[in-house]
Amino acid sequence: VDDMYMGTLFKMLGITYVSELVSAICKDAGYQSVALQIEIFARLGIMVLCIPILMTLLEVVRGFLG
């Protein structure tokens, strides 16, 4: 597996753990709306990180079909 993909995977994993932790802390403190916003921004950040991987996957599929 390419190092670029592993680095991206670890970044996504880090974003997930940190956002879940911070979201849980906000929910415990009674800030549900802030917790929801943190979860949404984490999902958007992960989606942005996935774009290069998805483009590579589409190129591979296009190579098989073409």
C-alpha atoms as a PDB file:
ATOM      1  CA  VAL A   1       0.000   0.000   0.000  1.00  0.00           C
ATOM      2  CA  ASP A   2       1.290   3.439  -0.952  1.00  0.00           C
ATOM      3  CA  ASP A   3       2.505   5.680   1.893  1.00  0.00           C
ATOM      4  CA  MET A   4       0.226   8.478   0.685  1.00  0.00           C
ATOM      5  CA  TYR A   5      -2.834   6.334   1.298  1.00  0.00           C
ATOM      6  CA  MET A   6      -1.660   5.254   4.730  1.00  0.00           C
ATOM      7  CA  GLY A   7      -0.968   8.862   5.695  1.00  0.00           C
ATOM      8  CA  THR A   8      -4.415   9.893   4.554  1.00  0.00           C
ATOM      9  CA  LEU A   9      -5.957   6.988   6.434  1.00  0.00           C
ATOM     10  CA  PHE A  10      -4.182   7.977   9.646  1.00  0.00           C
ATOM     11  CA  LYS A  11      -5.315  11.596   9.210  1.00  0.00           C
ATOM     12  CA  MET A  12      -8.921  10.435   8.825  1.00  0.00           C
ATOM     13  CA  LEU A  13      -8.565   8.220  11.879  1.00  0.00           C
ATOM     14  CA  GLY A  14      -7.168  11.120  13.905  1.00  0.00           C
ATOM     15  CA  ILE A  15      -9.951  13.453  12.836  1.00  0.00           C
ATOM     16  CA  THR A  16     -12.503  10.823  13.802  1.00  0.00           C
ATOM     17  CA  TYR A  17     -11.086  10.173  17.278  1.00  0.00           C
ATOM     18  CA  VAL A  18     -10.555  13.836  18.139  1.00  0.00           C
ATOM     19  CA  SER A  19     -13.968  14.918  16.881  1.00  0.00           C
ATOM     20  CA  GLU A  20     -15.745  12.090  18.759  1.00  0.00           C
ATOM     21  CA  LEU A  21     -13.909  12.998  21.961  1.00  0.00           C
ATOM     22  CA  VAL A  22     -14.626  16.708  21.680  1.00  0.00           C
ATOM     23  CA  SER A  23     -18.220  16.046  20.647  1.00  0.00           C
ATOM     24  CA  ALA A  24     -18.783  13.809  23.684  1.00  0.00           C
ATOM     25  CA  ILE A  25     -17.299  16.456  25.970  1.00  0.00           C
ATOM     26  CA  CYS A  26     -19.591  19.102  24.494  1.00  0.00           C
ATOM     27  CA  LYS A  27     -22.637  16.838  24.874  1.00  0.00           C
ATOM     28  CA  ASP A  28     -21.753  16.152  28.518  1.00  0.00           C
ATOM     29  CA  ALA A  29     -21.439  19.889  29.117  1.00  0.00           C
ATOM     30  CA  GLY A  30     -24.875  20.486  27.593  1.00  0.00           C
ATOM     31  CA  TYR A  31     -23.757  22.006  24.296  1.00  0.00           C
ATOM     32  CA  GLN A  32     -25.540  19.677  21.874  1.00  0.00           C
ATOM     33  CA  SER A  33     -25.571  22.207  19.034  1.00  0.00           C
ATOM     34  CA  VAL A  34     -21.802  22.711  19.248  1.00  0.00           C
ATOM     35  CA  ALA A  35     -21.316  18.940  19.358  1.00  0.00           C
ATOM     36  CA  LEU A  36     -23.407  18.539  16.224  1.00  0.00           C
ATOM     37  CA  GLN A  37     -21.407  21.218  14.410  1.00  0.00           C
ATOM     38  CA  ILE A  38     -18.142  19.504  15.368  1.00  0.00           C
ATOM     39  CA  GLU A  39     -19.439  16.212  13.994  1.00  0.00           C
ATOM     40  CA  ILE A  40     -20.533  17.866  10.729  1.00  0.00           C
ATOM     41  CA  PHE A  41     -17.180  19.609  10.224  1.00  0.00           C
ATOM     42  CA  ALA A  42     -15.327  16.372  10.975  1.00  0.00           C
ATOM     43  CA  ARG A  43     -17.368  14.559   8.330  1.00  0.00           C
ATOM     44  CA  LEU A  44     -16.673  17.329   5.828  1.00  0.00           C
ATOM     45  CA  GLY A  45     -12.958  17.171   6.617  1.00  0.00           C
ATOM     46  CA  ILE A  46     -12.907  13.426   6.072  1.00  0.00           C
ATOM     47  CA  MET A  47     -14.773  13.827   2.787  1.00  0.00           C
ATOM     48  CA  VAL A  48     -12.197  16.360   1.580  1.00  0.00           C
ATOM     49  CA  LEU A  49      -9.368  13.981   2.495  1.00  0.00           C
ATOM     50  CA  CYS A  50     -11.085  11.160   0.562  1.00  0.00           C
ATOM     51  CA  ILE A  51     -11.268  13.040  -2.746  1.00  0.00           C
ATOM     52  CA  PRO A  52      -7.782  12.022  -4.043  1.00  0.00           C
ATOM     53  CA  ILE A  53      -8.377   8.391  -3.085  1.00  0.00           C
ATOM     54  CA  LEU A  54     -11.760   8.356  -4.817  1.00  0.00           C
ATOM     55  CA  MET A  55     -10.280   9.922  -7.950  1.00  0.00           C
ATOM     56  CA  THR A  56      -7.576   7.227  -8.042  1.00  0.00           C
ATOM     57  CA  LEU A  57     -10.215   4.538  -7.592  1.00  0.00           C
ATOM     58  CA  LEU A  58     -12.242   5.975 -10.472  1.00  0.00           C
ATOM     59  CA  GLU A  59      -9.143   5.991 -12.689  1.00  0.00           C
ATOM     60  CA  VAL A  60      -8.498   2.313 -11.896  1.00  0.00           C
ATOM     61  CA  VAL A  61     -12.103   1.404 -12.688  1.00  0.00           C
ATOM     62  CA  ARG A  62     -11.909   3.402 -15.913  1.00  0.00           C
ATOM     63  CA  GLY A  63      -8.731   1.483 -16.827  1.00  0.00           C
ATOM     64  CA  PHE A  64     -10.497  -1.838 -16.357  1.00  0.00           C
ATOM     65  CA  LEU A  65     -13.492  -0.772 -18.419  1.00  0.00           C
ATOM     66  CA  GLY A  66     -11.580   0.935 -21.194  1.00  0.00           C
END
